[in-house]
PDB file of all heavy atoms in Angstrom:
ATOM      1  N   PRO A   1       0.820  -1.246  -0.026  1.00  0.00           N
ATOM      2  CA  PRO A   1      -0.008   0.042  -0.026  1.00  0.00           C
ATOM      3  C   PRO A   1       0.854   1.246   0.010  1.00  0.00           C
ATOM      4  O   PRO A   1       0.524   2.174  -0.712  1.00  0.00           O
ATOM      5  CB  PRO A   1      -0.831  -0.046   1.295  1.00  0.00           C
ATOM      6  CG  PRO A   1      -0.867  -1.461   1.575  1.00  0.00           C
ATOM      7  CD  PRO A   1       0.487  -2.176   1.028  1.00  0.00           C
ATOM      8  N   ALA A   2       1.844   1.286   0.795  1.00  0.00           N
ATOM      9  CA  ALA A   2       2.769   2.463   0.750  1.00  0.00           C
ATOM     10  C   ALA A   2       3.461   2.691  -0.547  1.00  0.00           C
ATOM     11  O   ALA A   2       3.548   3.930  -1.036  1.00  0.00           O
ATOM     12  CB  ALA A   2       3.779   2.407   1.862  1.00  0.00           C
ATOM     13  N   ARG A   3       3.905   1.582  -1.207  1.00  0.00           N
ATOM     14  CA  ARG A   3       4.581   1.848  -2.503  1.00  0.00           C
ATOM     15  C   ARG A   3       3.594   2.247  -3.536  1.00  0.00           C
ATOM     16  O   ARG A   3       3.841   3.098  -4.402  1.00  0.00           O
ATOM     17  CB  ARG A   3       5.222   0.497  -2.882  1.00  0.00           C
ATOM     18  CG  ARG A   3       6.503   0.041  -2.187  1.00  0.00           C
ATOM     19  CD  ARG A   3       7.054  -0.981  -2.637  1.00  0.00           C
ATOM     20  NE  ARG A   3       6.054  -2.149  -2.883  1.00  0.00           N
ATOM     21  CZ  ARG A   3       6.242  -3.361  -3.007  1.00  0.00           C
ATOM     22  NH1 ARG A   3       7.476  -3.896  -3.045  1.00  0.00           N
ATOM     23  NH2 ARG A   3       5.334  -4.263  -3.154  1.00  0.00           N
ATOM     24  N   ALA A   4       2.361   1.711  -3.529  1.00  0.00           N
ATOM     25  CA  ALA A   4       1.319   2.174  -4.445  1.00  0.00           C
ATOM     26  C   ALA A   4       0.997   3.586  -4.328  1.00  0.00           C
ATOM     27  O   ALA A   4       0.796   4.292  -5.220  1.00  0.00           O
ATOM     28  CB  ALA A   4       0.143   1.207  -4.216  1.00  0.00           C
ATOM     29  N   ALA A   5       0.866   4.069  -2.996  1.00  0.00           N
ATOM     30  CA  ALA A   5       0.546   5.402  -2.720  1.00  0.00           C
ATOM     31  C   ALA A   5       1.662   6.332  -3.188  1.00  0.00           C
ATOM     32  O   ALA A   5       1.380   7.434  -3.795  1.00  0.00           O
ATOM     33  CB  ALA A   5       0.316   5.642  -1.271  1.00  0.00           C
ATOM     34  N   ALA A   6       2.821   5.910  -2.970  1.00  0.00           N
ATOM     35  CA  ALA A   6       4.054   6.766  -3.462  1.00  0.00           C
ATOM     36  C   ALA A   6       3.989   6.876  -4.934  1.00  0.00           C
ATOM     37  O   ALA A   6       4.205   7.887  -5.529  1.00  0.00           O
ATOM     38  CB  ALA A   6       5.351   6.199  -3.077  1.00  0.00           C
ATOM     39  N   LEU A   7       3.654   5.807  -5.755  1.00  0.00           N
ATOM     40  CA  LEU A   7       3.655   5.775  -7.153  1.00  0.00           C
ATOM     41  C   LEU A   7       2.438   6.718  -7.624  1.00  0.00           C
ATOM     42  O   LEU A   7       2.657   7.621  -8.576  1.00  0.00           O
ATOM     43  CB  LEU A   7       3.439   4.406  -7.628  1.00  0.00           C
ATOM     44  CG  LEU A   7       4.634   3.546  -7.751  1.00  0.00           C
ATOM     45  CD1 LEU A   7       4.235   1.998  -8.149  1.00  0.00           C
ATOM     46  CD2 LEU A   7       5.805   4.081  -8.474  1.00  0.00           C
ATOM     47  N   ILE A   8       1.446   6.706  -6.910  1.00  0.00           N
ATOM     48  CA  ILE A   8       0.198   7.562  -7.393  1.00  0.00           C
ATOM     49  C   ILE A   8       0.671   9.046  -7.068  1.00  0.00           C
ATOM     50  O   ILE A   8       0.309   9.927  -7.892  1.00  0.00           O
ATOM     51  CB  ILE A   8      -0.971   7.119  -6.489  1.00  0.00           C
ATOM     52  CG1 ILE A   8      -1.558   5.806  -7.090  1.00  0.00           C
ATOM     53  CG2 ILE A   8      -2.085   8.247  -6.618  1.00  0.00           C
ATOM     54  CD1 ILE A   8      -2.573   5.234  -6.209  1.00  0.00           C
ATOM     55  N   ASP A   9       1.290   9.231  -5.991  1.00  0.00           N
ATOM     56  CA  ASP A   9       1.730  10.722  -5.619  1.00  0.00           C
ATOM     57  C   ASP A   9       2.719  11.155  -6.648  1.00  0.00           C
ATOM     58  O   ASP A   9       2.698  12.299  -7.164  1.00  0.00           O
ATOM     59  CB  ASP A   9       2.473  10.708  -4.272  1.00  0.00           C
ATOM     60  CG  ASP A   9       1.442  10.568  -3.147  1.00  0.00           C
ATOM     61  OD1 ASP A   9       0.194  10.664  -3.413  1.00  0.00           O
ATOM     62  OD2 ASP A   9       1.782  10.156  -2.039  1.00  0.00           O
ATOM     63  N   ILE A  10       3.735  10.457  -7.069  1.00  0.00           N
ATOM     64  CA  ILE A  10       4.621  10.834  -8.237  1.00  0.00           C
ATOM     65  C   ILE A  10       3.895  10.970  -9.442  1.00  0.00           C
ATOM     66  O   ILE A  10       4.258  11.895 -10.151  1.00  0.00           O
ATOM     67  CB  ILE A  10       5.751   9.758  -8.248  1.00  0.00           C
ATOM     68  CG1 ILE A  10       6.676   9.824  -7.053  1.00  0.00           C
ATOM     69  CG2 ILE A  10       6.569   9.917  -9.543  1.00  0.00           C
ATOM     70  CD1 ILE A  10       7.757   8.698  -6.988  1.00  0.00           C
ATOM     71  N   ALA A  11       2.976  10.175  -9.782  1.00  0.00           N
ATOM     72  CA  ALA A  11       2.203  10.394 -11.032  1.00  0.00           C
ATOM     73  C   ALA A  11       1.382  11.721 -11.035  1.00  0.00           C
ATOM     74  O   ALA A  11       1.431  12.449 -12.020  1.00  0.00           O
ATOM     75  CB  ALA A  11       1.211   9.168 -11.291  1.00  0.00           C
ATOM     76  N   SER A  12       0.850  12.070  -9.837  1.00  0.00           N
ATOM     77  CA  SER A  12       0.190  13.276  -9.741  1.00  0.00           C
ATOM     78  C   SER A  12       1.106  14.570  -9.921  1.00  0.00           C
ATOM     79  O   SER A  12       0.785  15.540 -10.543  1.00  0.00           O
ATOM     80  CB  SER A  12      -0.539  13.567  -8.507  1.00  0.00           C
ATOM     81  OG  SER A  12       0.304  13.489  -7.307  1.00  0.00           O
ATOM     82  N   ILE A  13       2.319  14.453  -9.457  1.00  0.00           N
ATOM     83  CA  ILE A  13       3.301  15.512  -9.492  1.00  0.00           C
ATOM     84  C   ILE A  13       3.766  15.591 -10.945  1.00  0.00           C
ATOM     85  O   ILE A  13       3.869  16.628 -11.622  1.00  0.00           O
ATOM     86  CB  ILE A  13       4.487  15.151  -8.659  1.00  0.00           C
ATOM     87  CG1 ILE A  13       4.244  15.304  -7.081  1.00  0.00           C
ATOM     88  CG2 ILE A  13       5.728  16.316  -8.972  1.00  0.00           C
ATOM     89  CD1 ILE A  13       5.250  14.861  -6.150  1.00  0.00           C
ATOM     90  N   ASP A  14       3.989  14.421 -11.587  1.00  0.00           N
ATOM     91  CA  ASP A  14       4.353  14.387 -13.010  1.00  0.00           C
ATOM     92  C   ASP A  14       3.208  15.101 -13.853  1.00  0.00           C
ATOM     93  O   ASP A  14       3.524  15.830 -14.793  1.00  0.00           O
ATOM     94  CB  ASP A  14       4.614  12.873 -13.608  1.00  0.00           C
ATOM     95  CG  ASP A  14       5.868  12.332 -13.239  1.00  0.00           C
ATOM     96  OD1 ASP A  14       6.751  13.144 -12.912  1.00  0.00           O
ATOM     97  OD2 ASP A  14       5.873  11.159 -13.160  1.00  0.00           O
ATOM     98  N   LYS A  15       1.970  14.832 -13.637  1.00  0.00           N
ATOM     99  CA  LYS A  15       0.845  15.396 -14.237  1.00  0.00           C
ATOM    100  C   LYS A  15       0.948  16.983 -14.055  1.00  0.00           C
ATOM    101  O   LYS A  15       0.661  17.728 -14.973  1.00  0.00           O
ATOM    102  CB  LYS A  15      -0.503  14.886 -13.844  1.00  0.00           C
ATOM    103  CG  LYS A  15      -1.544  15.272 -14.539  1.00  0.00           C
ATOM    104  CD  LYS A  15      -2.891  14.648 -14.073  1.00  0.00           C
ATOM    105  CE  LYS A  15      -4.181  15.101 -14.745  1.00  0.00           C
ATOM    106  NZ  LYS A  15      -5.323  14.492 -14.289  1.00  0.00           N
ATOM    107  N   ALA A  16       1.284  17.394 -12.823  1.00  0.00           N
ATOM    108  CA  ALA A  16       1.187  18.732 -12.552  1.00  0.00           C
ATOM    109  C   ALA A  16       2.426  19.421 -13.360  1.00  0.00           C
ATOM    110  O   ALA A  16       2.244  20.581 -13.854  1.00  0.00           O
ATOM    111  CB  ALA A  16       1.355  19.096 -11.070  1.00  0.00           C
ATOM    112  N   VAL A  17       3.575  18.792 -13.316  1.00  0.00           N
ATOM    113  CA  VAL A  17       4.662  19.322 -14.086  1.00  0.00           C
ATOM    114  C   VAL A  17       4.321  19.380 -15.594  1.00  0.00           C
ATOM    115  O   VAL A  17       4.611  20.389 -16.263  1.00  0.00           O
ATOM    116  CB  VAL A  17       5.950  18.333 -13.972  1.00  0.00           C
ATOM    117  CG1 VAL A  17       7.032  18.691 -14.854  1.00  0.00           C
ATOM    118  CG2 VAL A  17       6.424  18.480 -12.545  1.00  0.00           C
ATOM    119  N   GLY A  18       3.640  18.415 -16.049  1.00  0.00           N
ATOM    120  CA  GLY A  18       3.153  18.423 -17.484  1.00  0.00           C
ATOM    121  C   GLY A  18       2.190  19.664 -17.734  1.00  0.00           C
ATOM    122  O   GLY A  18       2.293  20.389 -18.899  1.00  0.00           O
ATOM    123  N   ALA A  19       1.357  19.837 -16.918  1.00  0.00           N
ATOM    124  CA  ALA A  19       0.375  20.983 -17.048  1.00  0.00           C
ATOM    125  C   ALA A  19       1.080  22.361 -16.933  1.00  0.00           C
ATOM    126  O   ALA A  19       0.787  23.261 -17.691  1.00  0.00           O
ATOM    127  CB  ALA A  19      -0.719  20.772 -15.911  1.00  0.00           C
ATOM    128  N   PHE A  20       2.069  22.408 -16.004  1.00  0.00           N
ATOM    129  CA  PHE A  20       2.792  23.640 -15.838  1.00  0.00           C
ATOM    130  C   PHE A  20       3.524  23.924 -17.140  1.00  0.00           C
ATOM    131  O   PHE A  20       3.568  25.094 -17.565  1.00  0.00           O
ATOM    132  CB  PHE A  20       3.796  23.441 -14.669  1.00  0.00           C
ATOM    133  CG  PHE A  20       4.525  24.771 -14.332  1.00  0.00           C
ATOM    134  CD1 PHE A  20       4.075  25.574 -13.229  1.00  0.00           C
ATOM    135  CD2 PHE A  20       5.683  25.093 -14.937  1.00  0.00           C
ATOM    136  CE1 PHE A  20       4.880  26.739 -12.911  1.00  0.00           C
ATOM    137  CE2 PHE A  20       6.397  26.293 -14.685  1.00  0.00           C
ATOM    138  CZ  PHE A  20       5.973  27.076 -13.645  1.00  0.00           C
ATOM    139  N   GLN A  21       4.132  22.949 -17.690  1.00  0.00           N
ATOM    140  CA  GLN A  21       4.979  22.990 -18.814  1.00  0.00           C
ATOM    141  C   GLN A  21       4.173  23.558 -20.063  1.00  0.00           C
ATOM    142  O   GLN A  21       4.449  24.371 -20.824  1.00  0.00           O
ATOM    143  CB  GLN A  21       5.719  21.744 -19.150  1.00  0.00           C
ATOM    144  CG  GLN A  21       7.040  21.944 -19.969  1.00  0.00           C
ATOM    145  CD  GLN A  21       6.653  22.108 -21.442  1.00  0.00           C
ATOM    146  OE1 GLN A  21       5.616  21.627 -22.010  1.00  0.00           O
ATOM    147  NE2 GLN A  21       7.558  22.827 -22.154  1.00  0.00           N
ATOM    148  N   ALA A  22       2.904  22.967 -20.054  1.00  0.00           N
ATOM    149  CA  ALA A  22       2.099  23.293 -21.163  1.00  0.00           C
ATOM    150  C   ALA A  22       1.441  24.740 -21.102  1.00  0.00           C
ATOM    151  O   ALA A  22       1.437  25.355 -22.180  1.00  0.00           O
ATOM    152  CB  ALA A  22       0.815  22.335 -21.234  1.00  0.00           C
ATOM    153  N   MET A  23       1.254  25.096 -19.791  1.00  0.00           N
ATOM    154  CA  MET A  23       0.728  26.534 -19.575  1.00  0.00           C
ATOM    155  C   MET A  23       1.771  27.531 -19.713  1.00  0.00           C
ATOM    156  O   MET A  23       1.528  28.663 -20.177  1.00  0.00           O
ATOM    157  CB  MET A  23      -0.050  26.636 -18.318  1.00  0.00           C
ATOM    158  CG  MET A  23      -1.342  25.647 -18.340  1.00  0.00           C
ATOM    159  SD  MET A  23      -2.547  26.129 -19.608  1.00  0.00           S
ATOM    160  CE  MET A  23      -3.115  27.565 -19.000  1.00  0.00           C
ATOM    161  N   GLU A  24       2.886  27.315 -18.993  1.00  0.00           N
ATOM    162  CA  GLU A  24       3.892  28.272 -18.763  1.00  0.00           C
ATOM    163  C   GLU A  24       5.030  28.311 -19.848  1.00  0.00           C
ATOM    164  O   GLU A  24       5.784  29.214 -19.916  1.00  0.00           O
ATOM    165  CB  GLU A  24       4.502  28.197 -17.388  1.00  0.00           C
ATOM    166  CG  GLU A  24       3.565  28.143 -16.284  1.00  0.00           C
ATOM    167  CD  GLU A  24       2.756  29.468 -16.087  1.00  0.00           C
ATOM    168  OE1 GLU A  24       3.322  30.609 -16.444  1.00  0.00           O
ATOM    169  OE2 GLU A  24       1.516  29.396 -15.650  1.00  0.00           O
ATOM    170  N   GLY A  25       5.055  27.155 -20.659  1.00  0.00           N
ATOM    171  CA  GLY A  25       6.133  27.036 -21.546  1.00  0.00           C
ATOM    172  C   GLY A  25       7.524  26.615 -21.076  1.00  0.00           C
ATOM    173  O   GLY A  25       8.506  26.777 -21.760  1.00  0.00           O
ATOM    174  N   ARG A  26       7.587  26.291 -19.841  1.00  0.00           N
ATOM    175  CA  ARG A  26       8.779  25.803 -19.219  1.00  0.00           C
ATOM    176  C   ARG A  26       8.629  24.889 -18.173  1.00  0.00           C
ATOM    177  O   ARG A  26       7.389  24.792 -17.638  1.00  0.00           O
ATOM    178  CB  ARG A  26       9.587  27.047 -18.691  1.00  0.00           C
ATOM    179  CG  ARG A  26       8.920  27.793 -17.646  1.00  0.00           C
ATOM    180  CD  ARG A  26       9.705  28.934 -17.039  1.00  0.00           C
ATOM    181  NE  ARG A  26       8.908  29.666 -16.095  1.00  0.00           N
ATOM    182  CZ  ARG A  26       8.940  29.356 -14.692  1.00  0.00           C
ATOM    183  NH1 ARG A  26       9.576  28.303 -14.378  1.00  0.00           N
ATOM    184  NH2 ARG A  26       8.228  30.085 -13.917  1.00  0.00           N
ATOM    185  N   ASN A  27       9.606  24.206 -17.729  1.00  0.00           N
ATOM    186  CA  ASN A  27       9.441  23.394 -16.422  1.00  0.00           C
ATOM    187  C   ASN A  27       9.592  24.262 -15.216  1.00  0.00           C
ATOM    188  O   ASN A  27      10.194  25.347 -15.224  1.00  0.00           O
ATOM    189  CB  ASN A  27      10.584  22.323 -16.365  1.00  0.00           C
ATOM    190  CG  ASN A  27      10.332  21.244 -17.420  1.00  0.00           C
ATOM    191  OD1 ASN A  27       9.159  20.993 -17.835  1.00  0.00           O
ATOM    192  ND2 ASN A  27      11.441  20.645 -18.019  1.00  0.00           N
ATOM    193  N   PRO A  28       8.808  23.881 -14.246  1.00  0.00           N
ATOM    194  CA  PRO A  28       8.971  24.560 -12.897  1.00  0.00           C
ATOM    195  C   PRO A  28      10.392  24.623 -12.416  1.00  0.00           C
ATOM    196  O   PRO A  28      11.122  23.637 -12.557  1.00  0.00           O
ATOM    197  CB  PRO A  28       7.910  23.944 -12.024  1.00  0.00           C
ATOM    198  CG  PRO A  28       7.697  22.630 -12.574  1.00  0.00           C
ATOM    199  CD  PRO A  28       7.915  22.703 -13.942  1.00  0.00           C
ATOM    200  N   LYS A  29      10.879  25.602 -11.711  1.00  0.00           N
ATOM    201  CA  LYS A  29      12.090  25.615 -11.169  1.00  0.00           C
ATOM    202  C   LYS A  29      12.201  24.813  -9.995  1.00  0.00           C
ATOM    203  O   LYS A  29      13.369  24.290  -9.709  1.00  0.00           O
ATOM    204  CB  LYS A  29      12.418  27.110 -10.750  1.00  0.00           C
ATOM    205  CG  LYS A  29      12.528  27.970 -11.931  1.00  0.00           C
ATOM    206  CD  LYS A  29      12.638  29.484 -11.447  1.00  0.00           C
ATOM    207  CE  LYS A  29      12.639  30.342 -12.718  1.00  0.00           C
ATOM    208  NZ  LYS A  29      12.348  31.764 -12.387  1.00  0.00           N
ATOM    209  N   SER A  30      11.183  24.525  -9.297  1.00  0.00           N
ATOM    210  CA  SER A  30      11.074  23.601  -8.093  1.00  0.00           C
ATOM    211  C   SER A  30       9.738  22.988  -7.919  1.00  0.00           C
ATOM    212  O   SER A  30       8.824  23.531  -8.567  1.00  0.00           O
ATOM    213  CB  SER A  30      11.625  24.419  -6.892  1.00  0.00           C
ATOM    214  OG  SER A  30      10.535  25.270  -6.540  1.00  0.00           O
ATOM    215  N   LEU A  31       9.577  22.030  -7.098  1.00  0.00           N
ATOM    216  CA  LEU A  31       8.350  21.497  -6.885  1.00  0.00           C
ATOM    217  C   LEU A  31       7.466  22.505  -6.078  1.00  0.00           C
ATOM    218  O   LEU A  31       6.238  22.437  -6.137  1.00  0.00           O
ATOM    219  CB  LEU A  31       8.434  20.051  -6.172  1.00  0.00           C
ATOM    220  CG  LEU A  31       9.122  19.038  -6.877  1.00  0.00           C
ATOM    221  CD1 LEU A  31       9.306  17.819  -5.981  1.00  0.00           C
ATOM    222  CD2 LEU A  31       8.350  18.655  -8.195  1.00  0.00           C
TER     223      LEU A  31
END
């Protein structure tokens, strides 16, 4: 369960990074 939750959390961060890159035209400087 802990490993699955960590993978889901990383996937949500990856999705947010992708949305940021699409909207801002660059990767975020930090999380």
